[in-house]
Amino acid sequence: MTMRPIEGGLVIAPGQTVALAPGGFHLMLMGLKESLKQGRSVGITLEFERAGKVAVDLDVLGLGAQGPAVPASAGADGGGGHEHMNH
């Protein structure tokens, strides 16, 4: 598997949810100034085409930890959307 940026950003169709998860779409934090520490959180800013910048805090979990449950309706539907998340 090769990790690469999504050209043009990640498409999120109106009213849809895109799950970020290992083995699928995910965020890669590069150029960190310090190590991430389990039990802490890290603040990032997501930039959307229409919604603009949205600040979020992410919990730092241990390697191999299971993240929060993802609703069954969530999916990585990349078709026909109008919202893009830039990296």
PDB file of N, CA and C in Angstrom:
ATOM      1  N   MET A   1       0.847  -1.166   0.000  1.00  0.00           N
ATOM      2  CA  MET A   1       0.000   0.000   0.000  1.00  0.00           C
ATOM      3  C   MET A   1       0.903   1.243   0.000  1.00  0.00           C
ATOM      4  N   THR A   2       0.562   2.199  -0.834  1.00  0.00           N
ATOM      5  CA  THR A   2       1.308   3.442  -0.905  1.00  0.00           C
ATOM      6  C   THR A   2       0.445   4.574  -0.392  1.00  0.00           C
ATOM      7  N   MET A   3       0.987   5.363   0.547  1.00  0.00           N
ATOM      8  CA  MET A   3       0.251   6.518   1.038  1.00  0.00           C
ATOM      9  C   MET A   3       0.607   7.716   0.183  1.00  0.00           C
ATOM     10  N   ARG A   4      -0.416   8.449  -0.236  1.00  0.00           N
ATOM     11  CA  ARG A   4      -0.195   9.632  -1.051  1.00  0.00           C
ATOM     12  C   ARG A   4      -1.335  10.612  -0.800  1.00  0.00           C
ATOM     13  N   PRO A   5      -1.082  11.885  -1.015  1.00  0.00           N
ATOM     14  CA  PRO A   5      -2.160  12.873  -0.846  1.00  0.00           C
ATOM     15  C   PRO A   5      -3.274  12.629  -1.857  1.00  0.00           C
ATOM     16  N   ILE A   6      -4.465  13.025  -1.520  1.00  0.00           N
ATOM     17  CA  ILE A   6      -5.599  12.934  -2.432  1.00  0.00           C
ATOM     18  C   ILE A   6      -5.604  14.212  -3.258  1.00  0.00           C
ATOM     19  N   GLU A   7      -5.374  14.063  -4.549  1.00  0.00           N
ATOM     20  CA  GLU A   7      -5.333  15.220  -5.443  1.00  0.00           C
ATOM     21  C   GLU A   7      -6.666  15.962  -5.395  1.00  0.00           C
ATOM     22  N   GLY A   8      -6.616  17.252  -5.150  1.00  0.00           N
ATOM     23  CA  GLY A   8      -7.832  18.056  -5.099  1.00  0.00           C
ATOM     24  C   GLY A   8      -8.568  17.988  -3.777  1.00  0.00           C
ATOM     25  N   GLY A   9      -8.072  17.223  -2.822  1.00  0.00           N
ATOM     26  CA  GLY A   9      -8.716  17.116  -1.515  1.00  0.00           C
ATOM     27  C   GLY A   9      -9.696  15.962  -1.447  1.00  0.00           C
ATOM     28  N   LEU A  10     -10.190  15.723  -0.273  1.00  0.00           N
ATOM     29  CA  LEU A  10     -11.134  14.633  -0.016  1.00  0.00           C
ATOM     30  C   LEU A  10     -12.548  15.158  -0.236  1.00  0.00           C
ATOM     31  N   VAL A  11     -13.291  14.541  -1.138  1.00  0.00           N
ATOM     32  CA  VAL A  11     -14.649  14.973  -1.451  1.00  0.00           C
ATOM     33  C   VAL A  11     -15.607  14.426  -0.394  1.00  0.00           C
ATOM     34  N   ILE A  12     -16.404  15.330   0.172  1.00  0.00           N
ATOM     35  CA  ILE A  12     -17.446  14.939   1.127  1.00  0.00           C
ATOM     36  C   ILE A  12     -18.755  15.477   0.568  1.00  0.00           C
ATOM     37  N   ALA A  13     -19.611  14.578   0.112  1.00  0.00           N
ATOM     38  CA  ALA A  13     -20.885  14.985  -0.480  1.00  0.00           C
ATOM     39  C   ALA A  13     -21.765  15.648   0.570  1.00  0.00           C
ATOM     40  N   PRO A  14     -22.604  16.596   0.176  1.00  0.00           N
ATOM     41  CA  PRO A  14     -23.505  17.261   1.129  1.00  0.00           C
ATOM     42  C   PRO A  14     -24.328  16.241   1.911  1.00  0.00           C
ATOM     43  N   GLY A  15     -24.345  16.392   3.228  1.00  0.00           N
ATOM     44  CA  GLY A  15     -25.107  15.495   4.091  1.00  0.00           C
ATOM     45  C   GLY A  15     -24.452  14.160   4.351  1.00  0.00           C
ATOM     46  N   GLN A  16     -23.281  13.913   3.781  1.00  0.00           N
ATOM     47  CA  GLN A  16     -22.596  12.634   3.951  1.00  0.00           C
ATOM     48  C   GLN A  16     -21.502  12.731   5.013  1.00  0.00           C
ATOM     49  N   THR A  17     -21.047  11.577   5.454  1.00  0.00           N
ATOM     50  CA  THR A  17     -19.966  11.463   6.422  1.00  0.00           C
ATOM     51  C   THR A  17     -18.860  10.645   5.793  1.00  0.00           C
ATOM     52  N   VAL A  18     -17.627  11.028   6.022  1.00  0.00           N
ATOM     53  CA  VAL A  18     -16.481  10.242   5.574  1.00  0.00           C
ATOM     54  C   VAL A  18     -15.700   9.830   6.814  1.00  0.00           C
ATOM     55  N   ALA A  19     -15.485   8.531   6.973  1.00  0.00           N
ATOM     56  CA  ALA A  19     -14.742   8.018   8.121  1.00  0.00           C
ATOM     57  C   ALA A  19     -13.250   8.061   7.816  1.00  0.00           C
ATOM     58  N   LEU A  20     -12.480   8.583   8.750  1.00  0.00           N
ATOM     59  CA  LEU A  20     -11.015   8.546   8.661  1.00  0.00           C
ATOM     60  C   LEU A  20     -10.552   7.408   9.556  1.00  0.00           C
ATOM     61  N   ALA A  21      -9.823   6.454   8.983  1.00  0.00           N
ATOM     62  CA  ALA A  21      -9.439   5.261   9.729  1.00  0.00           C
ATOM     63  C   ALA A  21      -8.195   4.637   9.113  1.00  0.00           C
ATOM     64  N   PRO A  22      -7.417   3.884   9.915  1.00  0.00           N
ATOM     65  CA  PRO A  22      -6.265   3.173   9.361  1.00  0.00           C
ATOM     66  C   PRO A  22      -6.711   2.268   8.217  1.00  0.00           C
ATOM     67  N   GLY A  23      -5.936   2.217   7.156  1.00  0.00           N
ATOM     68  CA  GLY A  23      -6.252   1.378   6.012  1.00  0.00           C
ATOM     69  C   GLY A  23      -7.203   2.042   5.033  1.00  0.00           C
ATOM     70  N   GLY A  24      -7.732   3.192   5.393  1.00  0.00           N
ATOM     71  CA  GLY A  24      -8.639   3.944   4.520  1.00  0.00           C
ATOM     72  C   GLY A  24      -8.157   5.384   4.468  1.00  0.00           C
ATOM     73  N   PHE A  25      -9.097   6.295   4.322  1.00  0.00           N
ATOM     74  CA  PHE A  25      -8.726   7.702   4.376  1.00  0.00           C
ATOM     75  C   PHE A  25      -8.244   8.011   5.787  1.00  0.00           C
ATOM     76  N   HIS A  26      -7.173   8.735   5.899  1.00  0.00           N
ATOM     77  CA  HIS A  26      -6.670   9.116   7.216  1.00  0.00           C
ATOM     78  C   HIS A  26      -5.841  10.383   7.100  1.00  0.00           C
ATOM     79  N   LEU A  27      -5.534  10.977   8.232  1.00  0.00           N
ATOM     80  CA  LEU A  27      -4.680  12.155   8.275  1.00  0.00           C
ATOM     81  C   LEU A  27      -3.267  11.722   8.596  1.00  0.00           C
ATOM     82  N   MET A  28      -2.314  12.325   7.945  1.00  0.00           N
ATOM     83  CA  MET A  28      -0.920  12.075   8.268  1.00  0.00           C
ATOM     84  C   MET A  28      -0.339  13.400   8.753  1.00  0.00           C
ATOM     85  N   LEU A  29       0.105  13.412   9.990  1.00  0.00           N
ATOM     86  CA  LEU A  29       0.694  14.621  10.556  1.00  0.00           C
ATOM     87  C   LEU A  29       2.185  14.604  10.262  1.00  0.00           C
ATOM     88  N   MET A  30       2.646  15.608   9.550  1.00  0.00           N
ATOM     89  CA  MET A  30       4.052  15.662   9.151  1.00  0.00           C
ATOM     90  C   MET A  30       4.676  16.937   9.698  1.00  0.00           C
ATOM     91  N   GLY A  31       5.977  16.887   9.927  1.00  0.00           N
ATOM     92  CA  GLY A  31       6.697  18.066  10.390  1.00  0.00           C
ATOM     93  C   GLY A  31       6.378  18.443  11.821  1.00  0.00           C
ATOM     94  N   LEU A  32       6.029  17.453  12.643  1.00  0.00           N
ATOM     95  CA  LEU A  32       5.723  17.749  14.043  1.00  0.00           C
ATOM     96  C   LEU A  32       6.966  18.264  14.762  1.00  0.00           C
ATOM     97  N   LYS A  33       6.781  19.221  15.650  1.00  0.00           N
ATOM     98  CA  LYS A  33       7.909  19.804  16.386  1.00  0.00           C
ATOM     99  C   LYS A  33       8.241  19.013  17.638  1.00  0.00           C
ATOM    100  N   GLU A  34       7.320  18.148  18.072  1.00  0.00           N
ATOM    101  CA  GLU A  34       7.567  17.284  19.225  1.00  0.00           C
ATOM    102  C   GLU A  34       6.760  15.999  19.066  1.00  0.00           C
ATOM    103  N   SER A  35       7.123  14.980  19.828  1.00  0.00           N
ATOM    104  CA  SER A  35       6.434  13.686  19.755  1.00  0.00           C
ATOM    105  C   SER A  35       5.035  13.794  20.334  1.00  0.00           C
ATOM    106  N   LEU A  36       4.120  12.998  19.775  1.00  0.00           N
ATOM    107  CA  LEU A  36       2.779  12.916  20.330  1.00  0.00           C
ATOM    108  C   LEU A  36       2.824  12.013  21.547  1.00  0.00           C
ATOM    109  N   LYS A  37       2.128  12.390  22.611  1.00  0.00           N
ATOM    110  CA  LYS A  37       2.148  11.620  23.847  1.00  0.00           C
ATOM    111  C   LYS A  37       0.762  11.032  24.117  1.00  0.00           C
ATOM    112  N   GLN A  38       0.747   9.698  24.309  1.00  0.00           N
ATOM    113  CA  GLN A  38      -0.498   8.992  24.574  1.00  0.00           C
ATOM    114  C   GLN A  38      -1.210   9.636  25.761  1.00  0.00           C
ATOM    115  N   GLY A  39      -2.532   9.774  25.652  1.00  0.00           N
ATOM    116  CA  GLY A  39      -3.323  10.360  26.728  1.00  0.00           C
ATOM    117  C   GLY A  39      -3.515  11.867  26.589  1.00  0.00           C
ATOM    118  N   ARG A  40      -2.768  12.478  25.709  1.00  0.00           N
ATOM    119  CA  ARG A  40      -2.909  13.913  25.462  1.00  0.00           C
ATOM    120  C   ARG A  40      -3.737  14.124  24.214  1.00  0.00           C
ATOM    121  N   SER A  41      -3.913  15.370  23.832  1.00  0.00           N
ATOM    122  CA  SER A  41      -4.611  15.670  22.585  1.00  0.00           C
ATOM    123  C   SER A  41      -3.746  16.619  21.767  1.00  0.00           C
ATOM    124  N   VAL A  42      -4.036  16.674  20.486  1.00  0.00           N
ATOM    125  CA  VAL A  42      -3.317  17.562  19.582  1.00  0.00           C
ATOM    126  C   VAL A  42      -4.373  18.344  18.796  1.00  0.00           C
ATOM    127  N   GLY A  43      -4.161  19.635  18.697  1.00  0.00           N
ATOM    128  CA  GLY A  43      -5.086  20.476  17.949  1.00  0.00           C
ATOM    129  C   GLY A  43      -4.642  20.598  16.500  1.00  0.00           C
ATOM    130  N   ILE A  44      -5.579  20.445  15.587  1.00  0.00           N
ATOM    131  CA  ILE A  44      -5.291  20.635  14.166  1.00  0.00           C
ATOM    132  C   ILE A  44      -6.399  21.499  13.562  1.00  0.00           C
ATOM    133  N   THR A  45      -6.142  22.027  12.401  1.00  0.00           N
ATOM    134  CA  THR A  45      -7.148  22.805  11.687  1.00  0.00           C
ATOM    135  C   THR A  45      -7.415  22.145  10.351  1.00  0.00           C
ATOM    136  N   LEU A  46      -8.683  21.802  10.113  1.00  0.00           N
ATOM    137  CA  LEU A  46      -9.109  21.256   8.833  1.00  0.00           C
ATOM    138  C   LEU A  46      -9.608  22.424   7.994  1.00  0.00           C
ATOM    139  N   GLU A  47      -9.310  22.399   6.705  1.00  0.00           N
ATOM    140  CA  GLU A  47      -9.763  23.479   5.839  1.00  0.00           C
ATOM    141  C   GLU A  47     -10.717  22.928   4.782  1.00  0.00           C
ATOM    142  N   PHE A  48     -11.934  23.459   4.783  1.00  0.00           N
ATOM    143  CA  PHE A  48     -12.966  23.022   3.861  1.00  0.00           C
ATOM    144  C   PHE A  48     -13.198  24.086   2.798  1.00  0.00           C
ATOM    145  N   GLU A  49     -13.586  23.636   1.619  1.00  0.00           N
ATOM    146  CA  GLU A  49     -13.822  24.537   0.498  1.00  0.00           C
ATOM    147  C   GLU A  49     -14.879  25.580   0.829  1.00  0.00           C
ATOM    148  N   ARG A  50     -15.983  25.166   1.419  1.00  0.00           N
ATOM    149  CA  ARG A  50     -17.079  26.096   1.718  1.00  0.00           C
ATOM    150  C   ARG A  50     -17.148  26.503   3.180  1.00  0.00           C
ATOM    151  N   ALA A  51     -16.892  25.584   4.083  1.00  0.00           N
ATOM    152  CA  ALA A  51     -17.021  25.868   5.521  1.00  0.00           C
ATOM    153  C   ALA A  51     -15.813  26.613   6.070  1.00  0.00           C
ATOM    154  N   GLY A  52     -14.735  26.690   5.300  1.00  0.00           N
ATOM    155  CA  GLY A  52     -13.539  27.372   5.776  1.00  0.00           C
ATOM    156  C   GLY A  52     -12.755  26.510   6.750  1.00  0.00           C
ATOM    157  N   LYS A  53     -12.050  27.163   7.653  1.00  0.00           N
ATOM    158  CA  LYS A  53     -11.192  26.456   8.611  1.00  0.00           C
ATOM    159  C   LYS A  53     -11.984  26.060   9.848  1.00  0.00           C
ATOM    160  N   VAL A  54     -11.760  24.807  10.286  1.00  0.00           N
ATOM    161  CA  VAL A  54     -12.429  24.269  11.469  1.00  0.00           C
ATOM    162  C   VAL A  54     -11.355  23.664  12.367  1.00  0.00           C
ATOM    163  N   ALA A  55     -11.224  24.200  13.576  1.00  0.00           N
ATOM    164  CA  ALA A  55     -10.241  23.683  14.533  1.00  0.00           C
ATOM    165  C   ALA A  55     -10.830  22.488  15.272  1.00  0.00           C
ATOM    166  N   VAL A  56     -10.055  21.417  15.400  1.00  0.00           N
ATOM    167  CA  VAL A  56     -10.493  20.227  16.136  1.00  0.00           C
ATOM    168  C   VAL A  56      -9.356  19.735  17.022  1.00  0.00           C
ATOM    169  N   ASP A  57      -9.717  19.075  18.111  1.00  0.00           N
ATOM    170  CA  ASP A  57      -8.737  18.439  18.991  1.00  0.00           C
ATOM    171  C   ASP A  57      -8.848  16.940  18.798  1.00  0.00           C
ATOM    172  N   LEU A  58      -7.727  16.272  18.596  1.00  0.00           N
ATOM    173  CA  LEU A  58      -7.683  14.825  18.410  1.00  0.00           C
ATOM    174  C   LEU A  58      -7.011  14.191  19.614  1.00  0.00           C
ATOM    175  N   ASP A  59      -7.610  13.128  20.149  1.00  0.00           N
ATOM    176  CA  ASP A  59      -7.004  12.392  21.254  1.00  0.00           C
ATOM    177  C   ASP A  59      -5.868  11.537  20.724  1.00  0.00           C
ATOM    178  N   VAL A  60      -4.756  11.488  21.440  1.00  0.00           N
ATOM    179  CA  VAL A  60      -3.624  10.650  21.055  1.00  0.00           C
ATOM    180  C   VAL A  60      -3.790   9.301  21.754  1.00  0.00           C
ATOM    181  N   LEU A  61      -3.956   8.240  20.953  1.00  0.00           N
ATOM    182  CA  LEU A  61      -4.130   6.886  21.470  1.00  0.00           C
ATOM    183  C   LEU A  61      -2.855   6.096  21.254  1.00  0.00           C
ATOM    184  N   GLY A  62      -2.718   4.981  21.950  1.00  0.00           N
ATOM    185  CA  GLY A  62      -1.568   4.112  21.787  1.00  0.00           C
ATOM    186  C   GLY A  62      -1.600   3.397  20.443  1.00  0.00           C
ATOM    187  N   LEU A  63      -0.449   2.941  20.009  1.00  0.00           N
ATOM    188  CA  LEU A  63      -0.330   2.212  18.756  1.00  0.00           C
ATOM    189  C   LEU A  63      -1.257   1.004  18.761  1.00  0.00           C
ATOM    190  N   GLY A  64      -2.080   0.870  17.732  1.00  0.00           N
ATOM    191  CA  GLY A  64      -3.002  -0.255  17.613  1.00  0.00           C
ATOM    192  C   GLY A  64      -4.294  -0.083  18.383  1.00  0.00           C
ATOM    193  N   ALA A  65      -4.492   1.055  19.047  1.00  0.00           N
ATOM    194  CA  ALA A  65      -5.712   1.284  19.818  1.00  0.00           C
ATOM    195  C   ALA A  65      -6.902   1.425  18.880  1.00  0.00           C
ATOM    196  N   GLN A  66      -8.051   1.007  19.349  1.00  0.00           N
ATOM    197  CA  GLN A  66      -9.283   1.167  18.590  1.00  0.00           C
ATOM    198  C   GLN A  66      -9.828   2.561  18.841  1.00  0.00           C
ATOM    199  N   GLY A  67     -10.157   3.264  17.783  1.00  0.00           N
ATOM    200  CA  GLY A  67     -10.743   4.588  17.919  1.00  0.00           C
ATOM    201  C   GLY A  67     -12.212   4.467  18.280  1.00  0.00           C
ATOM    202  N   PRO A  68     -12.920   5.605  18.305  1.00  0.00           N
ATOM    203  CA  PRO A  68     -14.350   5.564  18.618  1.00  0.00           C
ATOM    204  C   PRO A  68     -15.119   4.802  17.547  1.00  0.00           C
ATOM    205  N   ALA A  69     -16.264   4.265  17.925  1.00  0.00           N
ATOM    206  CA  ALA A  69     -17.099   3.518  16.982  1.00  0.00           C
ATOM    207  C   ALA A  69     -17.583   4.445  15.875  1.00  0.00           C
ATOM    208  N   VAL A  70     -17.610   3.933  14.655  1.00  0.00           N
ATOM    209  CA  VAL A  70     -18.073   4.698  13.499  1.00  0.00           C
ATOM    210  C   VAL A  70     -19.453   4.196  13.128  1.00  0.00           C
ATOM    211  N   PRO A  71     -20.435   5.116  12.998  1.00  0.00           N
ATOM    212  CA  PRO A  71     -21.786   4.668  12.626  1.00  0.00           C
ATOM    213  C   PRO A  71     -21.777   3.898  11.312  1.00  0.00           C
ATOM    214  N   ALA A  72     -22.661   2.925  11.178  1.00  0.00           N
ATOM    215  CA  ALA A  72     -22.727   2.101   9.971  1.00  0.00           C
ATOM    216  C   ALA A  72     -23.013   2.937   8.738  1.00  0.00           C
ATOM    217  N   SER A  73     -23.672   4.079   8.913  1.00  0.00           N
ATOM    218  CA  SER A  73     -24.000   4.936   7.769  1.00  0.00           C
ATOM    219  C   SER A  73     -22.802   5.724   7.271  1.00  0.00           C
ATOM    220  N   ALA A  74     -21.715   5.762   8.046  1.00  0.00           N
ATOM    221  CA  ALA A  74     -20.522   6.498   7.619  1.00  0.00           C
ATOM    222  C   ALA A  74     -19.805   5.694   6.554  1.00  0.00           C
ATOM    223  N   GLY A  75     -19.236   6.401   5.591  1.00  0.00           N
ATOM    224  CA  GLY A  75     -18.532   5.698   4.535  1.00  0.00           C
ATOM    225  C   GLY A  75     -17.555   6.597   3.845  1.00  0.00           C
ATOM    226  N   ALA A  76     -16.761   6.031   2.995  1.00  0.00           N
ATOM    227  CA  ALA A  76     -15.746   6.787   2.260  1.00  0.00           C
ATOM    228  C   ALA A  76     -16.230   7.036   0.847  1.00  0.00           C
ATOM    229  N   ASP A  77     -17.432   7.560   0.727  1.00  0.00           N
ATOM    230  CA  ASP A  77     -18.012   7.810  -0.582  1.00  0.00           C
ATOM    231  C   ASP A  77     -17.368   9.035  -1.200  1.00  0.00           C
ATOM    232  N   GLY A  78     -16.586   8.841  -2.211  1.00  0.00           N
ATOM    233  CA  GLY A  78     -15.887   9.957  -2.827  1.00  0.00           C
ATOM    234  C   GLY A  78     -16.571  10.499  -4.051  1.00  0.00           C
ATOM    235  N   GLY A  79     -17.806  10.132  -4.314  1.00  0.00           N
ATOM    236  CA  GLY A  79     -18.411  10.523  -5.571  1.00  0.00           C
ATOM    237  C   GLY A  79     -19.306  11.732  -5.510  1.00  0.00           C
ATOM    238  N   GLY A  80     -19.117  12.626  -6.468  1.00  0.00           N
ATOM    239  CA  GLY A  80     -20.051  13.688  -6.742  1.00  0.00           C
ATOM    240  C   GLY A  80     -20.268  14.754  -5.705  1.00  0.00           C
ATOM    241  N   GLY A  81     -19.419  14.878  -4.697  1.00  0.00           N
ATOM    242  CA  GLY A  81     -19.648  15.844  -3.642  1.00  0.00           C
ATOM    243  C   GLY A  81     -19.239  17.248  -4.002  1.00  0.00           C
ATOM    244  N   HIS A  82     -19.638  18.169  -3.150  1.00  0.00           N
ATOM    245  CA  HIS A  82     -19.331  19.562  -3.372  1.00  0.00           C
ATOM    246  C   HIS A  82     -18.383  20.117  -2.324  1.00  0.00           C
ATOM    247  N   GLU A  83     -18.107  19.401  -1.292  1.00  0.00           N
ATOM    248  CA  GLU A  83     -17.239  19.856  -0.221  1.00  0.00           C
ATOM    249  C   GLU A  83     -15.917  19.113  -0.336  1.00  0.00           C
ATOM    250  N   HIS A  84     -14.833  19.843  -0.211  1.00  0.00           N
ATOM    251  CA  HIS A  84     -13.504  19.241  -0.272  1.00  0.00           C
ATOM    252  C   HIS A  84     -12.756  19.578   0.990  1.00  0.00           C
ATOM    253  N   MET A  85     -12.033  18.622   1.546  1.00  0.00           N
ATOM    254  CA  MET A  85     -11.160  18.885   2.676  1.00  0.00           C
ATOM    255  C   MET A  85      -9.752  18.892   2.141  1.00  0.00           C
ATOM    256  N   ASN A  86      -9.063  19.986   2.305  1.00  0.00           N
ATOM    257  CA  ASN A  86      -7.685  20.076   1.851  1.00  0.00           C
ATOM    258  C   ASN A  86      -6.742  19.642   2.945  1.00  0.00           C
ATOM    259  N   HIS A  87      -5.606  19.099   2.574  1.00  0.00           N
ATOM    260  CA  HIS A  87      -4.630  18.635   3.546  1.00  0.00           C
ATOM    261  C   HIS A  87      -3.540  19.653   3.707  1.00  0.00           C
TER     262      HIS A  87
END
